N, C-alpha and C. Protein backbone atom coordinates (compact mmCIF):
# COMPACT_ATOMS: atom_id res chain seq x y z
N MET A 1 -22.51 -19.17 -26.69
CA MET A 1 -23.27 -17.88 -26.60
C MET A 1 -24.69 -18.08 -26.23
N GLU A 2 -25.55 -19.03 -26.95
CA GLU A 2 -26.72 -19.20 -26.56
C GLU A 2 -26.97 -19.81 -25.15
N GLN A 3 -26.00 -20.42 -24.73
CA GLN A 3 -26.25 -20.99 -23.20
C GLN A 3 -26.08 -19.66 -22.45
N LEU A 4 -25.30 -18.89 -22.86
CA LEU A 4 -24.95 -17.69 -21.78
C LEU A 4 -26.24 -17.12 -21.90
N ILE A 5 -26.94 -16.69 -22.74
CA ILE A 5 -28.15 -16.15 -22.91
C ILE A 5 -29.36 -16.95 -22.43
N ALA A 6 -29.29 -17.83 -22.42
CA ALA A 6 -30.35 -18.57 -21.80
C ALA A 6 -30.10 -18.81 -20.19
N PHE A 7 -29.00 -18.96 -19.63
CA PHE A 7 -28.72 -18.68 -18.40
C PHE A 7 -29.01 -17.55 -17.69
N ALA A 8 -28.64 -16.18 -18.55
CA ALA A 8 -29.21 -15.03 -17.93
C ALA A 8 -30.39 -14.81 -17.99
N GLY A 9 -31.12 -15.35 -18.95
CA GLY A 9 -32.74 -15.32 -18.96
C GLY A 9 -33.43 -16.18 -17.70
N ASN A 10 -32.61 -17.55 -17.28
CA ASN A 10 -33.01 -18.21 -16.39
C ASN A 10 -32.82 -17.77 -15.03
N HIS A 11 -31.79 -16.94 -14.76
CA HIS A 11 -31.16 -16.52 -13.59
C HIS A 11 -30.80 -15.03 -13.48
N PRO A 12 -31.69 -14.25 -13.46
CA PRO A 12 -31.73 -12.82 -13.78
C PRO A 12 -30.72 -11.99 -12.77
N MET A 13 -31.18 -12.58 -11.18
CA MET A 13 -30.34 -12.11 -10.16
C MET A 13 -28.81 -12.26 -10.19
N LEU A 14 -28.57 -13.63 -10.48
CA LEU A 14 -27.21 -14.27 -10.58
C LEU A 14 -26.46 -13.46 -11.79
N SER A 15 -27.08 -13.28 -12.71
CA SER A 15 -26.44 -12.46 -13.96
C SER A 15 -26.24 -11.11 -13.62
N MET A 16 -27.14 -10.35 -12.84
CA MET A 16 -26.91 -9.12 -12.69
C MET A 16 -25.81 -8.91 -11.84
N ILE A 17 -25.68 -9.65 -10.64
CA ILE A 17 -24.55 -9.56 -9.69
C ILE A 17 -23.40 -9.97 -10.38
N TRP A 18 -23.35 -10.85 -11.51
CA TRP A 18 -22.08 -11.17 -11.92
C TRP A 18 -21.50 -9.92 -12.83
N LEU A 19 -22.78 -9.45 -13.41
CA LEU A 19 -22.22 -8.13 -14.17
C LEU A 19 -21.68 -6.91 -13.32
N ILE A 20 -22.28 -6.99 -11.98
CA ILE A 20 -21.84 -5.66 -11.12
C ILE A 20 -20.43 -6.02 -10.76
N LEU A 21 -20.05 -7.40 -10.52
CA LEU A 21 -18.65 -7.66 -10.10
C LEU A 21 -17.77 -7.50 -11.18
N VAL A 22 -18.12 -7.66 -12.43
CA VAL A 22 -17.22 -7.29 -13.37
C VAL A 22 -16.97 -5.90 -13.50
N ILE A 23 -18.05 -5.15 -13.58
CA ILE A 23 -17.92 -3.61 -13.43
C ILE A 23 -16.93 -2.88 -12.17
N LEU A 24 -17.41 -3.64 -11.11
CA LEU A 24 -16.39 -2.93 -10.02
C LEU A 24 -15.07 -3.39 -10.01
N LEU A 25 -14.57 -4.75 -10.68
CA LEU A 25 -13.42 -5.22 -10.98
C LEU A 25 -12.82 -4.29 -12.20
N ILE A 26 -13.21 -3.78 -13.21
CA ILE A 26 -12.75 -2.95 -14.12
C ILE A 26 -12.48 -1.66 -13.67
N GLY A 27 -13.48 -1.14 -12.89
CA GLY A 27 -13.25 0.26 -12.04
C GLY A 27 -12.17 0.37 -11.30
N THR A 28 -12.16 -0.72 -10.71
CA THR A 28 -10.93 -0.70 -9.41
C THR A 28 -9.43 -1.04 -10.27
N SER A 29 -9.38 -1.76 -11.23
CA SER A 29 -8.39 -1.80 -12.01
C SER A 29 -7.91 -0.52 -12.40
N ILE A 30 -8.83 0.07 -13.23
CA ILE A 30 -8.54 1.77 -13.81
C ILE A 30 -8.27 2.38 -12.82
N LYS A 31 -8.89 2.56 -11.69
CA LYS A 31 -8.44 3.59 -10.52
C LYS A 31 -6.84 3.47 -10.09
N MET A 32 -6.70 2.05 -9.98
CA MET A 32 -5.21 1.89 -9.40
C MET A 32 -4.25 2.04 -10.61
N LYS A 33 -4.46 2.12 -11.75
CA LYS A 33 -3.53 2.41 -12.71
C LYS A 33 -3.38 3.81 -13.03
N LEU A 34 -4.47 4.64 -12.47
CA LEU A 34 -4.49 6.09 -12.90
C LEU A 34 -4.09 6.75 -11.06
N SER A 35 -4.13 6.12 -10.46
CA SER A 35 -3.45 6.43 -9.11
C SER A 35 -2.18 6.68 -9.11
N PRO A 36 -1.97 8.13 -8.32
CA PRO A 36 -0.44 8.73 -8.13
C PRO A 36 0.22 7.53 -7.48
N ILE A 37 -0.51 7.00 -6.28
CA ILE A 37 0.30 5.94 -5.57
C ILE A 37 0.57 4.32 -6.07
N LYS A 38 1.68 4.12 -6.23
CA LYS A 38 2.00 2.96 -6.93
C LYS A 38 2.09 1.90 -5.69
N ALA A 39 1.85 0.70 -5.97
CA ALA A 39 1.97 -0.46 -5.09
C ALA A 39 3.34 -1.23 -5.72
N ILE A 40 4.30 -1.28 -4.79
CA ILE A 40 5.61 -1.68 -5.33
C ILE A 40 6.18 -3.12 -4.79
N THR A 41 6.86 -3.79 -5.39
CA THR A 41 7.31 -5.16 -4.93
C THR A 41 8.48 -4.82 -3.82
N PRO A 42 9.01 -5.75 -3.01
CA PRO A 42 10.04 -5.59 -2.19
C PRO A 42 11.43 -5.30 -2.84
N GLN A 43 11.29 -5.83 -4.20
CA GLN A 43 12.63 -5.46 -4.85
C GLN A 43 12.63 -4.14 -5.46
N GLU A 44 11.57 -3.50 -5.97
CA GLU A 44 11.60 -2.10 -6.08
C GLU A 44 11.40 -1.22 -4.84
N LEU A 45 11.11 -1.55 -3.89
CA LEU A 45 11.28 -0.72 -2.45
C LEU A 45 13.08 -0.44 -2.50
N THR A 46 13.62 -1.82 -2.49
CA THR A 46 15.21 -1.65 -2.40
C THR A 46 15.80 -0.55 -3.32
N PHE A 47 15.32 -0.97 -4.56
CA PHE A 47 15.56 -0.02 -5.65
C PHE A 47 15.50 1.66 -5.12
N LEU A 48 14.46 1.87 -4.98
CA LEU A 48 13.98 3.22 -4.41
C LEU A 48 14.94 3.71 -3.12
N VAL A 49 15.15 3.02 -2.22
CA VAL A 49 15.79 3.36 -1.10
C VAL A 49 17.40 3.46 -1.50
N ASN A 50 17.96 2.61 -2.23
CA ASN A 50 19.53 2.71 -2.54
C ASN A 50 19.77 3.69 -3.83
N ARG A 51 18.93 3.88 -4.73
CA ARG A 51 19.16 4.43 -5.66
C ARG A 51 18.55 6.06 -5.68
N GLU A 52 17.55 6.41 -4.85
CA GLU A 52 16.65 7.50 -4.82
C GLU A 52 16.75 7.88 -3.49
N ASP A 53 17.28 7.37 -2.49
CA ASP A 53 17.36 7.80 -0.96
C ASP A 53 15.86 7.94 -0.58
N GLY A 54 15.29 6.86 -0.97
CA GLY A 54 13.85 6.71 -0.43
C GLY A 54 13.63 6.51 0.89
N VAL A 55 12.62 6.83 1.48
CA VAL A 55 12.34 6.59 3.04
C VAL A 55 11.18 5.65 3.21
N VAL A 56 11.37 4.67 4.21
CA VAL A 56 10.30 3.48 4.34
C VAL A 56 9.66 4.08 5.60
N VAL A 57 8.38 4.18 5.56
CA VAL A 57 7.52 4.64 6.98
C VAL A 57 6.76 3.23 7.37
N ASP A 58 6.86 2.98 8.33
CA ASP A 58 6.29 1.78 8.92
C ASP A 58 5.03 2.22 9.85
N ILE A 59 3.99 1.74 9.45
CA ILE A 59 2.86 2.22 10.22
C ILE A 59 2.28 1.09 11.23
N ARG A 60 3.15 0.11 11.29
CA ARG A 60 2.39 -0.96 12.29
C ARG A 60 2.72 -0.46 13.68
N THR A 61 2.29 -1.10 14.65
CA THR A 61 2.08 -0.84 15.96
C THR A 61 3.68 -0.73 16.49
N GLU A 62 3.86 0.10 17.40
CA GLU A 62 5.31 -0.05 17.92
C GLU A 62 6.04 -1.23 18.58
N LYS A 63 4.90 -2.21 19.04
CA LYS A 63 5.29 -3.46 19.19
C LYS A 63 5.77 -4.30 18.32
N GLU A 64 5.15 -4.37 17.09
CA GLU A 64 5.39 -5.06 15.70
C GLU A 64 6.80 -4.33 15.32
N PHE A 65 6.42 -3.11 15.23
CA PHE A 65 7.86 -2.33 14.96
C PHE A 65 9.23 -2.68 15.54
N LYS A 66 9.10 -3.09 16.73
CA LYS A 66 10.32 -3.46 17.56
C LYS A 66 10.87 -4.91 17.50
N THR A 67 9.44 -5.94 17.42
CA THR A 67 9.68 -7.19 16.83
C THR A 67 10.60 -7.23 15.49
N SER A 68 10.44 -6.77 14.51
CA SER A 68 11.38 -6.64 13.42
C SER A 68 10.66 -5.56 12.20
N HIS A 69 11.59 -4.99 11.74
CA HIS A 69 11.13 -4.04 10.71
C HIS A 69 12.20 -3.69 9.79
N ILE A 70 11.92 -2.97 8.40
CA ILE A 70 12.84 -2.87 7.47
C ILE A 70 14.05 -1.88 8.08
N LEU A 71 15.34 -2.43 7.65
CA LEU A 71 16.50 -1.46 7.97
C LEU A 71 16.17 0.07 7.72
N ASP A 72 16.57 0.97 8.73
CA ASP A 72 16.40 2.49 8.68
C ASP A 72 15.12 2.81 8.34
N SER A 73 13.87 1.91 8.47
CA SER A 73 12.46 2.55 8.58
C SER A 73 12.32 3.41 9.57
N ILE A 74 11.14 4.26 9.34
CA ILE A 74 10.75 5.18 10.45
C ILE A 74 9.34 4.62 11.03
N ASN A 75 9.08 4.58 12.27
CA ASN A 75 7.73 4.10 12.83
C ASN A 75 6.96 5.11 12.83
N LEU A 76 5.80 5.31 12.34
CA LEU A 76 5.02 6.43 12.19
C LEU A 76 3.58 5.78 13.22
N SER A 77 3.48 6.51 14.36
CA SER A 77 2.36 6.14 15.07
C SER A 77 1.00 6.30 14.88
N ASN A 78 -0.02 5.46 15.25
CA ASN A 78 -1.51 5.47 14.85
C ASN A 78 -1.83 7.03 15.27
N GLU A 79 -1.58 7.44 16.30
CA GLU A 79 -1.86 8.71 16.74
C GLU A 79 -1.36 10.08 16.07
N LYS A 80 -0.20 9.76 15.50
CA LYS A 80 0.15 10.92 14.63
C LYS A 80 -0.60 10.84 13.28
N ILE A 81 -0.91 9.66 12.56
CA ILE A 81 -1.53 9.30 11.46
C ILE A 81 -2.98 10.02 11.59
N SER A 82 -3.56 9.59 12.67
CA SER A 82 -5.11 10.01 12.98
C SER A 82 -5.08 11.72 12.96
N ASN A 83 -3.95 12.38 13.55
CA ASN A 83 -4.10 13.77 13.52
C ASN A 83 -3.10 14.52 12.32
N ASN A 84 -2.89 13.60 11.45
CA ASN A 84 -2.28 14.21 9.87
C ASN A 84 -0.98 14.83 10.40
N ASP A 85 -0.17 14.23 11.56
CA ASP A 85 0.86 14.74 12.09
C ASP A 85 2.37 13.94 11.37
N PHE A 86 2.67 14.95 10.09
CA PHE A 86 3.70 14.12 9.55
C PHE A 86 5.11 15.24 9.66
N VAL A 87 5.06 16.04 10.73
CA VAL A 87 6.37 16.70 11.23
C VAL A 87 7.62 15.89 10.78
N SER A 88 7.52 14.74 11.35
CA SER A 88 8.77 13.81 11.24
C SER A 88 9.28 13.69 9.99
N LEU A 89 8.47 13.57 9.22
CA LEU A 89 8.65 13.53 7.65
C LEU A 89 9.07 14.44 6.78
N GLU A 90 8.94 15.92 7.25
CA GLU A 90 9.06 17.11 6.76
C GLU A 90 10.32 16.86 5.88
N LYS A 91 11.52 16.74 6.33
CA LYS A 91 12.78 16.76 5.70
C LYS A 91 12.89 15.93 4.71
N HIS A 92 11.96 14.90 4.63
CA HIS A 92 11.78 13.81 3.37
C HIS A 92 10.88 14.26 2.11
N LYS A 93 10.33 15.16 2.41
CA LYS A 93 9.02 15.55 1.52
C LYS A 93 9.25 15.34 0.27
N ASP A 94 10.37 15.51 -0.66
CA ASP A 94 10.90 15.29 -1.95
C ASP A 94 11.67 14.26 -2.22
N LYS A 95 11.40 13.27 -1.37
CA LYS A 95 12.00 11.77 -1.48
C LYS A 95 11.16 10.86 -1.72
N PRO A 96 11.23 9.98 -2.21
CA PRO A 96 10.45 8.90 -2.29
C PRO A 96 9.87 8.32 -0.97
N ILE A 97 8.56 8.23 -0.75
CA ILE A 97 8.04 7.71 0.59
C ILE A 97 7.64 6.40 0.13
N ILE A 98 8.01 5.24 0.90
CA ILE A 98 7.52 3.83 0.89
C ILE A 98 6.64 3.44 2.09
N VAL A 99 5.21 3.33 2.09
CA VAL A 99 4.29 3.28 3.22
C VAL A 99 4.33 1.63 3.38
N VAL A 100 4.67 1.25 4.45
CA VAL A 100 4.59 -0.19 5.00
C VAL A 100 3.58 -0.75 6.17
N CYS A 101 2.83 -1.46 5.91
CA CYS A 101 2.14 -1.87 7.10
C CYS A 101 2.19 -3.64 7.20
N ALA A 102 1.46 -4.29 8.06
CA ALA A 102 1.55 -5.56 8.07
C ALA A 102 1.35 -6.19 6.96
N ALA A 103 0.13 -6.20 6.17
CA ALA A 103 -0.21 -7.03 5.11
C ALA A 103 -0.30 -6.39 3.67
N GLY A 104 -0.27 -5.26 3.86
CA GLY A 104 -0.22 -4.20 2.42
C GLY A 104 -1.84 -3.97 2.48
N MET A 105 -2.62 -4.03 3.33
CA MET A 105 -4.26 -3.64 3.37
C MET A 105 -4.34 -2.28 3.85
N THR A 106 -3.72 -1.70 4.94
CA THR A 106 -3.87 -0.54 5.57
C THR A 106 -3.02 0.63 5.08
N ALA A 107 -1.89 0.29 4.17
CA ALA A 107 -1.08 1.48 3.96
C ALA A 107 -1.83 2.35 2.76
N GLY A 108 -2.66 1.84 1.97
CA GLY A 108 -3.35 2.89 1.20
C GLY A 108 -3.87 4.08 1.87
N LYS A 109 -4.66 3.95 2.80
CA LYS A 109 -5.20 5.18 3.40
C LYS A 109 -4.04 6.17 4.05
N VAL A 110 -3.08 5.49 4.66
CA VAL A 110 -1.62 6.41 4.97
C VAL A 110 -1.19 7.21 3.85
N ALA A 111 -1.12 6.49 2.50
CA ALA A 111 -0.29 6.95 1.60
C ALA A 111 -1.13 8.18 1.09
N ASN A 112 -2.74 7.75 0.67
CA ASN A 112 -3.52 9.16 0.53
C ASN A 112 -3.25 10.17 1.42
N GLN A 113 -3.39 10.15 2.67
CA GLN A 113 -2.99 10.96 3.50
C GLN A 113 -1.67 11.90 3.07
N LEU A 114 -0.57 11.07 3.22
CA LEU A 114 0.65 11.82 2.78
C LEU A 114 0.79 12.51 1.57
N LEU A 115 -0.18 12.05 0.51
CA LEU A 115 0.00 12.61 -0.72
C LEU A 115 -0.94 13.93 -0.86
N LYS A 116 -2.02 13.82 0.14
CA LYS A 116 -2.81 15.19 0.47
C LYS A 116 -1.85 16.03 1.37
N ALA A 117 -0.80 15.61 2.10
CA ALA A 117 -0.12 16.64 2.72
C ALA A 117 1.05 17.20 2.29
N GLY A 118 1.22 16.86 0.96
CA GLY A 118 2.20 17.55 0.03
C GLY A 118 3.48 16.65 -0.31
N PHE A 119 3.25 15.41 0.04
CA PHE A 119 4.53 14.40 -0.15
C PHE A 119 4.39 13.95 -1.57
N SER A 120 5.05 14.30 -2.56
CA SER A 120 4.76 14.23 -3.89
C SER A 120 5.18 12.45 -4.38
N LYS A 121 5.92 11.96 -3.97
CA LYS A 121 6.51 10.49 -4.38
C LYS A 121 6.18 9.56 -3.32
N VAL A 122 4.82 9.12 -3.06
CA VAL A 122 4.33 8.23 -2.30
C VAL A 122 3.81 6.71 -3.12
N SER A 123 4.54 5.80 -2.42
CA SER A 123 4.36 4.31 -2.64
C SER A 123 3.93 3.52 -1.55
N LEU A 124 3.45 2.34 -1.80
CA LEU A 124 3.27 1.54 -0.68
C LEU A 124 3.61 0.10 -1.00
N LEU A 125 4.13 -0.64 0.12
CA LEU A 125 4.66 -1.82 -0.24
C LEU A 125 3.54 -3.10 -0.55
N LYS A 126 3.64 -3.36 -1.77
CA LYS A 126 2.66 -4.72 -1.86
C LYS A 126 2.74 -6.00 -0.90
N GLY A 127 1.91 -6.19 -0.05
CA GLY A 127 1.61 -7.42 0.62
C GLY A 127 2.66 -7.13 1.82
N GLY A 128 2.87 -5.74 2.18
CA GLY A 128 3.43 -5.24 3.40
C GLY A 128 4.72 -6.10 4.03
N MET A 129 4.95 -6.23 5.26
CA MET A 129 5.72 -6.83 5.79
C MET A 129 6.17 -8.24 5.38
N GLY A 130 4.57 -8.90 5.34
CA GLY A 130 4.54 -10.21 5.05
C GLY A 130 5.28 -10.32 3.70
N ALA A 131 5.29 -9.72 2.91
CA ALA A 131 5.95 -9.86 1.33
C ALA A 131 7.35 -9.45 1.64
N TRP A 132 7.91 -8.85 2.48
CA TRP A 132 9.42 -8.39 2.83
C TRP A 132 9.83 -9.65 3.33
N SER A 133 9.49 -9.95 4.37
CA SER A 133 9.89 -11.27 4.89
C SER A 133 9.91 -12.52 4.04
N GLY A 134 8.70 -12.56 3.33
CA GLY A 134 8.68 -13.88 2.45
C GLY A 134 9.72 -14.01 1.27
N ALA A 135 10.01 -12.62 1.07
CA ALA A 135 11.33 -12.63 0.09
C ALA A 135 12.69 -13.01 0.61
N GLY A 136 12.64 -12.93 1.95
CA GLY A 136 13.81 -13.33 2.53
C GLY A 136 14.57 -12.28 3.04
N LEU A 137 14.13 -11.09 3.08
CA LEU A 137 15.01 -9.70 2.80
C LEU A 137 15.14 -9.35 4.31
N PRO A 138 16.35 -8.69 4.77
CA PRO A 138 16.81 -8.50 6.03
C PRO A 138 15.84 -7.54 7.04
N VAL A 139 15.74 -7.71 7.92
CA VAL A 139 14.97 -7.13 9.02
C VAL A 139 15.95 -6.68 10.18
N ALA A 140 15.43 -5.53 10.91
CA ALA A 140 16.27 -4.96 12.08
C ALA A 140 15.41 -5.41 13.16
N LYS A 141 15.89 -5.36 14.32
CA LYS A 141 15.11 -5.83 15.45
C LYS A 141 15.07 -4.70 16.82
N GLY A 142 14.37 -4.52 17.38
CA GLY A 142 14.66 -3.52 18.58
C GLY A 142 14.38 -1.78 17.86
N LYS A 143 15.13 -1.24 18.48
CA LYS A 143 15.00 0.46 18.32
C LYS A 143 14.09 1.17 19.05
């Protein structure tokens, strides 16, 4: 403990940066726990689709979607996302919606848009299509 205090006294800038990072990390963790949007694993996605008639919404480009996608997923173009045009998903409004992107980085923004548009059960695939493929789960090609 004395060494920690001595370090903080000798390096105030580093100590302040460390403290800020810890606070941001804790804040992010709390925000994720309280968020209505949950990041789910590929196995949880499979359960949602099979048991609760969940709908997979793939937000990758049409080219990436045609190369490989989760079976029965719906491709939502960037143009429709930008315009908040979710008409093609209206009939699935009360079903679980799972948003999938390439690596799990951009799905959060779209999931928030869907939540604001009135979709009540929105999740995102943690790790995106990379996680799905990495788990050795089946993909469809074409469409």
